[in-house]
Amino acid sequence: MVAYASRLCVEAMELLFPLMGGRGLAKRDPVGRAWRDVHAIGQHIGTTWDVHACAWGAVRLGGNIPDPKV
């Protein structure tokens, strides 16, 4: 669930960030900071969509989780 939520946040930031233009690139701009933070969180192994989606699918189909670390 957290992996899906982080994916939605990344997609939302991908829609908002281009609307900022060059101003969003400034280090002090809060939207630029949010863009960097959301992408950093989206790259964490705990929120990586591909890993958790595969595990969820395996369990829903009656199998075991393929990665014991998940």
PDB file of N, CA and C in Angstrom:
ATOM      1  N   MET A   1       0.809  -1.183   0.000  1.00  0.00           N
ATOM      2  CA  MET A   1       0.000   0.000   0.000  1.00  0.00           C
ATOM      3  C   MET A   1       0.863   1.261   0.000  1.00  0.00           C
ATOM      4  N   VAL A   2       1.933   1.255   0.792  1.00  0.00           N
ATOM      5  CA  VAL A   2       2.818   2.413   0.849  1.00  0.00           C
ATOM      6  C   VAL A   2       3.528   2.590  -0.490  1.00  0.00           C
ATOM      7  N   ALA A   3       3.890   1.485  -1.122  1.00  0.00           N
ATOM      8  CA  ALA A   3       4.558   1.568  -2.421  1.00  0.00           C
ATOM      9  C   ALA A   3       3.637   2.210  -3.457  1.00  0.00           C
ATOM     10  N   TYR A   4       2.374   1.865  -3.431  1.00  0.00           N
ATOM     11  CA  TYR A   4       1.423   2.449  -4.377  1.00  0.00           C
ATOM     12  C   TYR A   4       1.208   3.936  -4.086  1.00  0.00           C
ATOM     13  N   ALA A   5       1.109   4.283  -2.807  1.00  0.00           N
ATOM     14  CA  ALA A   5       0.937   5.691  -2.435  1.00  0.00           C
ATOM     15  C   ALA A   5       2.140   6.525  -2.870  1.00  0.00           C
ATOM     16  N   SER A   6       3.333   5.985  -2.699  1.00  0.00           N
ATOM     17  CA  SER A   6       4.521   6.738  -3.123  1.00  0.00           C
ATOM     18  C   SER A   6       4.547   6.882  -4.635  1.00  0.00           C
ATOM     19  N   ARG A   7       4.088   5.875  -5.343  1.00  0.00           N
ATOM     20  CA  ARG A   7       4.024   5.973  -6.804  1.00  0.00           C
ATOM     21  C   ARG A   7       3.054   7.074  -7.238  1.00  0.00           C
ATOM     22  N   LEU A   8       1.912   7.161  -6.567  1.00  0.00           N
ATOM     23  CA  LEU A   8       0.947   8.218  -6.876  1.00  0.00           C
ATOM     24  C   LEU A   8       1.521   9.605  -6.582  1.00  0.00           C
ATOM     25  N   CYS A   9       2.285   9.717  -5.507  1.00  0.00           N
ATOM     26  CA  CYS A   9       2.919  11.005  -5.178  1.00  0.00           C
ATOM     27  C   CYS A   9       3.932  11.404  -6.240  1.00  0.00           C
ATOM     28  N   VAL A  10       4.719  10.451  -6.703  1.00  0.00           N
ATOM     29  CA  VAL A  10       5.698  10.748  -7.759  1.00  0.00           C
ATOM     30  C   VAL A  10       4.971  11.186  -9.027  1.00  0.00           C
ATOM     31  N   GLU A  11       3.900  10.497  -9.385  1.00  0.00           N
ATOM     32  CA  GLU A  11       3.147  10.872 -10.585  1.00  0.00           C
ATOM     33  C   GLU A  11       2.539  12.272 -10.444  1.00  0.00           C
ATOM     34  N   ALA A  12       2.053  12.603  -9.254  1.00  0.00           N
ATOM     35  CA  ALA A  12       1.491  13.937  -9.032  1.00  0.00           C
ATOM     36  C   ALA A  12       2.563  15.011  -9.173  1.00  0.00           C
ATOM     37  N   MET A  13       3.742  14.753  -8.630  1.00  0.00           N
ATOM     38  CA  MET A  13       4.828  15.730  -8.740  1.00  0.00           C
ATOM     39  C   MET A  13       5.291  15.870 -10.184  1.00  0.00           C
ATOM     40  N   GLU A  14       5.224  14.797 -10.949  1.00  0.00           N
ATOM     41  CA  GLU A  14       5.600  14.873 -12.358  1.00  0.00           C
ATOM     42  C   GLU A  14       4.619  15.741 -13.148  1.00  0.00           C
ATOM     43  N   LEU A  15       3.396  15.850 -12.667  1.00  0.00           N
ATOM     44  CA  LEU A  15       2.424  16.743 -13.310  1.00  0.00           C
ATOM     45  C   LEU A  15       2.613  18.196 -12.865  1.00  0.00           C
ATOM     46  N   LEU A  16       2.945  18.394 -11.600  1.00  0.00           N
ATOM     47  CA  LEU A  16       3.063  19.740 -11.053  1.00  0.00           C
ATOM     48  C   LEU A  16       4.386  20.433 -11.393  1.00  0.00           C
ATOM     49  N   PHE A  17       5.468  19.697 -11.363  1.00  0.00           N
ATOM     50  CA  PHE A  17       6.791  20.309 -11.490  1.00  0.00           C
ATOM     51  C   PHE A  17       6.981  21.074 -12.805  1.00  0.00           C
ATOM     52  N   PRO A  18       6.560  20.552 -13.949  1.00  0.00           N
ATOM     53  CA  PRO A  18       6.735  21.322 -15.192  1.00  0.00           C
ATOM     54  C   PRO A  18       5.963  22.642 -15.205  1.00  0.00           C
ATOM     55  N   LEU A  19       4.907  22.731 -14.425  1.00  0.00           N
ATOM     56  CA  LEU A  19       4.127  23.959 -14.366  1.00  0.00           C
ATOM     57  C   LEU A  19       4.880  25.086 -13.657  1.00  0.00           C
ATOM     58  N   MET A  20       5.902  24.720 -12.899  1.00  0.00           N
ATOM     59  CA  MET A  20       6.675  25.725 -12.166  1.00  0.00           C
ATOM     60  C   MET A  20       7.672  26.459 -13.060  1.00  0.00           C
ATOM     61  N   GLY A  21       8.017  25.862 -14.184  1.00  0.00           N
ATOM     62  CA  GLY A  21       9.019  26.480 -15.041  1.00  0.00           C
ATOM     63  C   GLY A  21      10.383  26.440 -14.380  1.00  0.00           C
ATOM     64  N   GLY A  22      11.219  27.414 -14.692  1.00  0.00           N
ATOM     65  CA  GLY A  22      12.561  27.455 -14.138  1.00  0.00           C
ATOM     66  C   GLY A  22      12.603  27.747 -12.656  1.00  0.00           C
ATOM     67  N   ARG A  23      11.542  28.350 -12.129  1.00  0.00           N
ATOM     68  CA  ARG A  23      11.519  28.682 -10.712  1.00  0.00           C
ATOM     69  C   ARG A  23      11.595  27.438  -9.826  1.00  0.00           C
ATOM     70  N   GLY A  24      11.041  26.338 -10.286  1.00  0.00           N
ATOM     71  CA  GLY A  24      11.063  25.102  -9.509  1.00  0.00           C
ATOM     72  C   GLY A  24      12.440  24.493  -9.366  1.00  0.00           C
ATOM     73  N   LEU A  25      13.408  24.965 -10.160  1.00  0.00           N
ATOM     74  CA  LEU A  25      14.764  24.429 -10.086  1.00  0.00           C
ATOM     75  C   LEU A  25      15.586  25.046  -8.956  1.00  0.00           C
ATOM     76  N   ALA A  26      15.149  26.163  -8.420  1.00  0.00           N
ATOM     77  CA  ALA A  26      15.891  26.827  -7.353  1.00  0.00           C
ATOM     78  C   ALA A  26      15.911  25.962  -6.094  1.00  0.00           C
ATOM     79  N   LYS A  27      17.051  25.910  -5.426  1.00  0.00           N
ATOM     80  CA  LYS A  27      17.176  25.077  -4.224  1.00  0.00           C
ATOM     81  C   LYS A  27      16.239  25.515  -3.103  1.00  0.00           C
ATOM     82  N   ARG A  28      15.931  26.792  -3.040  1.00  0.00           N
ATOM     83  CA  ARG A  28      15.079  27.294  -1.955  1.00  0.00           C
ATOM     84  C   ARG A  28      13.591  27.212  -2.270  1.00  0.00           C
ATOM     85  N   ASP A  29      13.236  26.821  -3.466  1.00  0.00           N
ATOM     86  CA  ASP A  29      11.826  26.749  -3.833  1.00  0.00           C
ATOM     87  C   ASP A  29      11.186  25.524  -3.167  1.00  0.00           C
ATOM     88  N   PRO A  30      10.056  25.697  -2.462  1.00  0.00           N
ATOM     89  CA  PRO A  30       9.447  24.562  -1.766  1.00  0.00           C
ATOM     90  C   PRO A  30       8.941  23.469  -2.709  1.00  0.00           C
ATOM     91  N   VAL A  31       8.502  23.835  -3.899  1.00  0.00           N
ATOM     92  CA  VAL A  31       8.032  22.807  -4.839  1.00  0.00           C
ATOM     93  C   VAL A  31       9.216  21.986  -5.352  1.00  0.00           C
ATOM     94  N   GLY A  32      10.323  22.644  -5.615  1.00  0.00           N
ATOM     95  CA  GLY A  32      11.522  21.916  -6.026  1.00  0.00           C
ATOM     96  C   GLY A  32      11.999  20.969  -4.942  1.00  0.00           C
ATOM     97  N   ARG A  33      11.935  21.430  -3.708  1.00  0.00           N
ATOM     98  CA  ARG A  33      12.325  20.579  -2.581  1.00  0.00           C
ATOM     99  C   ARG A  33      11.376  19.389  -2.466  1.00  0.00           C
ATOM    100  N   ALA A  34      10.081  19.629  -2.624  1.00  0.00           N
ATOM    101  CA  ALA A  34       9.108  18.536  -2.561  1.00  0.00           C
ATOM    102  C   ALA A  34       9.348  17.544  -3.690  1.00  0.00           C
ATOM    103  N   TRP A  35       9.696  18.038  -4.883  1.00  0.00           N
ATOM    104  CA  TRP A  35       9.973  17.155  -6.023  1.00  0.00           C
ATOM    105  C   TRP A  35      11.151  16.247  -5.704  1.00  0.00           C
ATOM    106  N   ARG A  36      12.215  16.828  -5.150  1.00  0.00           N
ATOM    107  CA  ARG A  36      13.394  16.022  -4.801  1.00  0.00           C
ATOM    108  C   ARG A  36      13.077  15.013  -3.703  1.00  0.00           C
ATOM    109  N   ASP A  37      12.326  15.447  -2.692  1.00  0.00           N
ATOM    110  CA  ASP A  37      11.986  14.550  -1.585  1.00  0.00           C
ATOM    111  C   ASP A  37      11.110  13.389  -2.042  1.00  0.00           C
ATOM    112  N   VAL A  38      10.099  13.694  -2.845  1.00  0.00           N
ATOM    113  CA  VAL A  38       9.182  12.654  -3.322  1.00  0.00           C
ATOM    114  C   VAL A  38       9.926  11.637  -4.188  1.00  0.00           C
ATOM    115  N   HIS A  39      10.824  12.109  -5.033  1.00  0.00           N
ATOM    116  CA  HIS A  39      11.581  11.182  -5.859  1.00  0.00           C
ATOM    117  C   HIS A  39      12.573  10.363  -5.038  1.00  0.00           C
ATOM    118  N   ALA A  40      13.146  10.946  -4.006  1.00  0.00           N
ATOM    119  CA  ALA A  40      14.042  10.193  -3.124  1.00  0.00           C
ATOM    120  C   ALA A  40      13.276   9.084  -2.409  1.00  0.00           C
ATOM    121  N   ILE A  41      12.090   9.405  -1.914  1.00  0.00           N
ATOM    122  CA  ILE A  41      11.264   8.400  -1.242  1.00  0.00           C
ATOM    123  C   ILE A  41      10.832   7.322  -2.229  1.00  0.00           C
ATOM    124  N   GLY A  42      10.490   7.721  -3.445  1.00  0.00           N
ATOM    125  CA  GLY A  42      10.053   6.760  -4.459  1.00  0.00           C
ATOM    126  C   GLY A  42      11.135   5.771  -4.872  1.00  0.00           C
ATOM    127  N   GLN A  43      12.402   6.121  -4.636  1.00  0.00           N
ATOM    128  CA  GLN A  43      13.503   5.234  -4.993  1.00  0.00           C
ATOM    129  C   GLN A  43      13.928   4.321  -3.850  1.00  0.00           C
ATOM    130  N   HIS A  44      13.363   4.502  -2.678  1.00  0.00           N
ATOM    131  CA  HIS A  44      13.716   3.665  -1.537  1.00  0.00           C
ATOM    132  C   HIS A  44      13.205   2.248  -1.770  1.00  0.00           C
ATOM    133  N   ILE A  45      13.965   1.250  -1.330  1.00  0.00           N
ATOM    134  CA  ILE A  45      13.586  -0.147  -1.567  1.00  0.00           C
ATOM    135  C   ILE A  45      12.246  -0.487  -0.912  1.00  0.00           C
ATOM    136  N   GLY A  46      11.919   0.189   0.167  1.00  0.00           N
ATOM    137  CA  GLY A  46      10.644  -0.061   0.841  1.00  0.00           C
ATOM    138  C   GLY A  46       9.438   0.441   0.077  1.00  0.00           C
ATOM    139  N   THR A  47       9.656   1.322  -0.887  1.00  0.00           N
ATOM    140  CA  THR A  47       8.537   1.878  -1.647  1.00  0.00           C
ATOM    141  C   THR A  47       8.685   1.630  -3.145  1.00  0.00           C
ATOM    142  N   THR A  48       9.540   0.705  -3.521  1.00  0.00           N
ATOM    143  CA  THR A  48       9.726   0.404  -4.932  1.00  0.00           C
ATOM    144  C   THR A  48       8.525  -0.407  -5.428  1.00  0.00           C
ATOM    145  N   TRP A  49       7.791   0.169  -6.337  1.00  0.00           N
ATOM    146  CA  TRP A  49       6.540  -0.413  -6.805  1.00  0.00           C
ATOM    147  C   TRP A  49       6.742  -1.787  -7.439  1.00  0.00           C
ATOM    148  N   ASP A  50       7.759  -1.960  -8.254  1.00  0.00           N
ATOM    149  CA  ASP A  50       7.950  -3.227  -8.961  1.00  0.00           C
ATOM    150  C   ASP A  50       8.133  -4.395  -7.992  1.00  0.00           C
ATOM    151  N   VAL A  51       8.927  -4.197  -6.960  1.00  0.00           N
ATOM    152  CA  VAL A  51       9.191  -5.266  -5.992  1.00  0.00           C
ATOM    153  C   VAL A  51       7.917  -5.650  -5.262  1.00  0.00           C
ATOM    154  N   HIS A  52       7.193  -4.675  -4.762  1.00  0.00           N
ATOM    155  CA  HIS A  52       6.012  -4.963  -3.961  1.00  0.00           C
ATOM    156  C   HIS A  52       4.828  -5.418  -4.812  1.00  0.00           C
ATOM    157  N   ALA A  53       4.722  -4.934  -6.034  1.00  0.00           N
ATOM    158  CA  ALA A  53       3.634  -5.381  -6.910  1.00  0.00           C
ATOM    159  C   ALA A  53       3.805  -6.859  -7.264  1.00  0.00           C
ATOM    160  N   CYS A  54       5.030  -7.283  -7.510  1.00  0.00           N
ATOM    161  CA  CYS A  54       5.282  -8.705  -7.810  1.00  0.00           C
ATOM    162  C   CYS A  54       4.964  -9.586  -6.606  1.00  0.00           C
ATOM    163  N   ALA A  55       5.357  -9.135  -5.422  1.00  0.00           N
ATOM    164  CA  ALA A  55       5.067  -9.905  -4.210  1.00  0.00           C
ATOM    165  C   ALA A  55       3.564  -9.982  -3.969  1.00  0.00           C
ATOM    166  N   TRP A  56       2.866  -8.878  -4.144  1.00  0.00           N
ATOM    167  CA  TRP A  56       1.416  -8.858  -3.951  1.00  0.00           C
ATOM    168  C   TRP A  56       0.732  -9.806  -4.938  1.00  0.00           C
ATOM    169  N   GLY A  57       1.149  -9.751  -6.205  1.00  0.00           N
ATOM    170  CA  GLY A  57       0.573 -10.627  -7.219  1.00  0.00           C
ATOM    171  C   GLY A  57       0.807 -12.093  -6.919  1.00  0.00           C
ATOM    172  N   ALA A  58       2.004 -12.410  -6.455  1.00  0.00           N
ATOM    173  CA  ALA A  58       2.320 -13.805  -6.128  1.00  0.00           C
ATOM    174  C   ALA A  58       1.435 -14.315  -4.993  1.00  0.00           C
ATOM    175  N   VAL A  59       1.248 -13.509  -3.974  1.00  0.00           N
ATOM    176  CA  VAL A  59       0.413 -13.918  -2.841  1.00  0.00           C
ATOM    177  C   VAL A  59      -1.048 -14.033  -3.261  1.00  0.00           C
ATOM    178  N   ARG A  60      -1.529 -13.085  -4.073  1.00  0.00           N
ATOM    179  CA  ARG A  60      -2.927 -13.130  -4.522  1.00  0.00           C
ATOM    180  C   ARG A  60      -3.211 -14.353  -5.387  1.00  0.00           C
ATOM    181  N   LEU A  61      -2.178 -14.845  -6.085  1.00  0.00           N
ATOM    182  CA  LEU A  61      -2.355 -16.029  -6.921  1.00  0.00           C
ATOM    183  C   LEU A  61      -2.087 -17.323  -6.165  1.00  0.00           C
ATOM    184  N   GLY A  62      -1.891 -17.221  -4.852  1.00  0.00           N
ATOM    185  CA  GLY A  62      -1.725 -18.405  -4.028  1.00  0.00           C
ATOM    186  C   GLY A  62      -0.290 -18.860  -3.862  1.00  0.00           C
ATOM    187  N   GLY A  63       0.654 -18.092  -4.321  1.00  0.00           N
ATOM    188  CA  GLY A  63       2.058 -18.463  -4.192  1.00  0.00           C
ATOM    189  C   GLY A  63       2.705 -17.846  -2.967  1.00  0.00           C
ATOM    190  N   ASN A  64       3.999 -17.963  -2.931  1.00  0.00           N
ATOM    191  CA  ASN A  64       4.778 -17.383  -1.852  1.00  0.00           C
ATOM    192  C   ASN A  64       5.447 -16.110  -2.335  1.00  0.00           C
ATOM    193  N   ILE A  65       5.874 -15.293  -1.392  1.00  0.00           N
ATOM    194  CA  ILE A  65       6.604 -14.092  -1.753  1.00  0.00           C
ATOM    195  C   ILE A  65       7.974 -14.517  -2.286  1.00  0.00           C
ATOM    196  N   PRO A  66       8.300 -14.095  -3.520  1.00  0.00           N
ATOM    197  CA  PRO A  66       9.558 -14.549  -4.122  1.00  0.00           C
ATOM    198  C   PRO A  66      10.808 -13.994  -3.448  1.00  0.00           C
ATOM    199  N   ASP A  67      10.719 -12.862  -2.793  1.00  0.00           N
ATOM    200  CA  ASP A  67      11.882 -12.255  -2.144  1.00  0.00           C
ATOM    201  C   ASP A  67      11.684 -12.297  -0.639  1.00  0.00           C
ATOM    202  N   PRO A  68      12.521 -13.040   0.094  1.00  0.00           N
ATOM    203  CA  PRO A  68      12.307 -13.158   1.540  1.00  0.00           C
ATOM    204  C   PRO A  68      12.542 -11.855   2.299  1.00  0.00           C
ATOM    205  N   LYS A  69      13.203 -10.875   1.691  1.00  0.00           N
ATOM    206  CA  LYS A  69      13.453  -9.600   2.359  1.00  0.00           C
ATOM    207  C   LYS A  69      12.234  -8.686   2.340  1.00  0.00           C
ATOM    208  N   VAL A  70      11.245  -9.005   1.527  1.00  0.00           N
ATOM    209  CA  VAL A  70      10.062  -8.154   1.391  1.00  0.00           C
ATOM    210  C   VAL A  70       9.096  -8.573   2.408  1.00  0.00           C
TER     211      VAL A  70
END
